[in-house]
């Protein structure tokens, strides 16, 4: 069942998410604010992907005794953000 496991490269995911955000030309006096927003987007996406990977690992542990509906719990936990 491990071969069906989804694994997200958190760094690539976060970088692509940050780059996908629509940003107009940033004036010099607003550069710090724009950088904070970009950093917040990157870190949020990175840690969300990390959380997903951890939950996915827990779901696919060879010795787990959880019911199949545990996957719904994973999605529910991810939707809390």
C-alpha atoms as a PDB file:
ATOM      1  CA  UNK A   1       0.000   0.000   0.000  1.00  0.00           C
ATOM      2  CA  UNK A   2       3.020   2.286   0.443  1.00  0.00           C
ATOM      3  CA  UNK A   3       3.315   2.567  -3.347  1.00  0.00           C
ATOM      4  CA  UNK A   4      -0.025   4.426  -3.363  1.00  0.00           C
ATOM      5  CA  UNK A   5       1.226   6.994  -0.873  1.00  0.00           C
ATOM      6  CA  UNK A   6       1.273  10.615  -2.012  1.00  0.00           C
ATOM      7  CA  UNK A   7       4.390  12.563  -1.093  1.00  0.00           C
ATOM      8  CA  UNK A   8       4.646  16.322  -1.649  1.00  0.00           C
ATOM      9  CA  UNK A   9       8.013  18.012  -2.006  1.00  0.00           C
ATOM     10  CA  UNK A  10       7.297  20.759   0.531  1.00  0.00           C
ATOM     11  CA  UNK A  11      10.014  23.107  -0.744  1.00  0.00           C
ATOM     12  CA  UNK A  12       8.922  22.905  -4.389  1.00  0.00           C
ATOM     13  CA  UNK A  13       5.254  23.173  -3.444  1.00  0.00           C
ATOM     14  CA  UNK A  14       5.836  26.249  -1.297  1.00  0.00           C
ATOM     15  CA  UNK A  15       8.033  27.918  -3.904  1.00  0.00           C
ATOM     16  CA  UNK A  16       5.470  27.328  -6.655  1.00  0.00           C
ATOM     17  CA  UNK A  17       2.659  28.568  -4.426  1.00  0.00           C
ATOM     18  CA  UNK A  18       4.570  31.723  -3.553  1.00  0.00           C
ATOM     19  CA  UNK A  19       5.338  32.349  -7.224  1.00  0.00           C
ATOM     20  CA  UNK A  20       1.701  31.839  -8.212  1.00  0.00           C
ATOM     21  CA  UNK A  21       0.516  34.734  -6.074  1.00  0.00           C
ATOM     22  CA  UNK A  22      -0.487  37.767  -8.118  1.00  0.00           C
ATOM     23  CA  UNK A  23       1.769  40.703  -7.304  1.00  0.00           C
ATOM     24  CA  UNK A  24       1.848  44.003  -9.110  1.00  0.00           C
ATOM     25  CA  UNK A  25       4.986  46.110  -9.376  1.00  0.00           C
ATOM     26  CA  UNK A  26       6.024  46.787  -5.791  1.00  0.00           C
ATOM     27  CA  UNK A  27       7.076  50.331  -4.907  1.00  0.00           C
ATOM     28  CA  UNK A  28      10.259  50.591  -2.848  1.00  0.00           C
ATOM     29  CA  UNK A  29       8.433  51.852   0.229  1.00  0.00           C
ATOM     30  CA  UNK A  30       6.168  48.759   0.195  1.00  0.00           C
ATOM     31  CA  UNK A  31       8.907  46.210  -0.458  1.00  0.00           C
ATOM     32  CA  UNK A  32       9.141  45.041   3.157  1.00  0.00           C
ATOM     33  CA  UNK A  33       5.383  44.431   3.318  1.00  0.00           C
ATOM     34  CA  UNK A  34       5.493  42.523   0.021  1.00  0.00           C
ATOM     35  CA  UNK A  35       8.430  40.430   1.263  1.00  0.00           C
ATOM     36  CA  UNK A  36       6.550  39.594   4.476  1.00  0.00           C
ATOM     37  CA  UNK A  37       3.503  38.524   2.478  1.00  0.00           C
ATOM     38  CA  UNK A  38       5.640  36.364   0.183  1.00  0.00           C
ATOM     39  CA  UNK A  39       7.428  34.809   3.162  1.00  0.00           C
ATOM     40  CA  UNK A  40       4.131  34.137   4.926  1.00  0.00           C
ATOM     41  CA  UNK A  41       2.793  32.467   1.765  1.00  0.00           C
ATOM     42  CA  UNK A  42       5.918  30.336   1.399  1.00  0.00           C
ATOM     43  CA  UNK A  43       6.021  29.239   5.038  1.00  0.00           C
ATOM     44  CA  UNK A  44       2.295  28.510   5.163  1.00  0.00           C
ATOM     45  CA  UNK A  45       2.478  26.336   2.048  1.00  0.00           C
ATOM     46  CA  UNK A  46       5.692  24.637   3.230  1.00  0.00           C
ATOM     47  CA  UNK A  47       4.351  23.676   6.648  1.00  0.00           C
ATOM     48  CA  UNK A  48       0.988  22.642   5.227  1.00  0.00           C
ATOM     49  CA  UNK A  49       2.777  20.264   2.832  1.00  0.00           C
ATOM     50  CA  UNK A  50       4.897  18.969   5.722  1.00  0.00           C
ATOM     51  CA  UNK A  51       1.763  18.342   7.782  1.00  0.00           C
ATOM     52  CA  UNK A  52       0.165  16.530   4.868  1.00  0.00           C
ATOM     53  CA  UNK A  53       3.255  14.331   4.446  1.00  0.00           C
ATOM     54  CA  UNK A  54       3.281  13.504   8.157  1.00  0.00           C
ATOM     55  CA  UNK A  55      -0.406  12.630   8.143  1.00  0.00           C
ATOM     56  CA  UNK A  56       0.089  10.593   4.992  1.00  0.00           C
ATOM     57  CA  UNK A  57       2.980   8.705   6.607  1.00  0.00           C
ATOM     58  CA  UNK A  58       0.821   7.934   9.639  1.00  0.00           C
ATOM     59  CA  UNK A  59      -1.977   6.676   7.420  1.00  0.00           C
ATOM     60  CA  UNK A  60       0.300   4.355   5.460  1.00  0.00           C
ATOM     61  CA  UNK A  61       2.243   2.870   8.367  1.00  0.00           C
ATOM     62  CA  UNK A  62       2.526  -0.847   7.814  1.00  0.00           C
ATOM     63  CA  UNK A  63       1.331  -1.749  11.309  1.00  0.00           C
ATOM     64  CA  UNK A  64      -1.505   0.710  11.699  1.00  0.00           C
ATOM     65  CA  UNK A  65      -4.843  -0.568  12.894  1.00  0.00           C
ATOM     66  CA  UNK A  66      -6.891   2.492  11.944  1.00  0.00           C
ATOM     67  CA  UNK A  67     -10.042   2.142   9.864  1.00  0.00           C
ATOM     68  CA  UNK A  68      -9.986   3.225   6.211  1.00  0.00           C
ATOM     69  CA  UNK A  69     -11.935   6.363   7.134  1.00  0.00           C
ATOM     70  CA  UNK A  70      -8.731   7.730   8.676  1.00  0.00           C
ATOM     71  CA  UNK A  71      -8.074   9.340   5.307  1.00  0.00           C
ATOM     72  CA  UNK A  72     -11.135  11.500   5.873  1.00  0.00           C
ATOM     73  CA  UNK A  73      -9.562  12.598   9.165  1.00  0.00           C
ATOM     74  CA  UNK A  74      -6.442  13.671   7.265  1.00  0.00           C
ATOM     75  CA  UNK A  75      -8.480  15.785   4.880  1.00  0.00           C
ATOM     76  CA  UNK A  76     -10.478  17.200   7.758  1.00  0.00           C
ATOM     77  CA  UNK A  77      -7.308  18.222   9.620  1.00  0.00           C
ATOM     78  CA  UNK A  78      -5.864  19.853   6.505  1.00  0.00           C
ATOM     79  CA  UNK A  79      -9.094  21.784   5.950  1.00  0.00           C
ATOM     80  CA  UNK A  80      -8.740  23.436   9.345  1.00  0.00           C
ATOM     81  CA  UNK A  81      -6.317  25.926   7.752  1.00  0.00           C
END
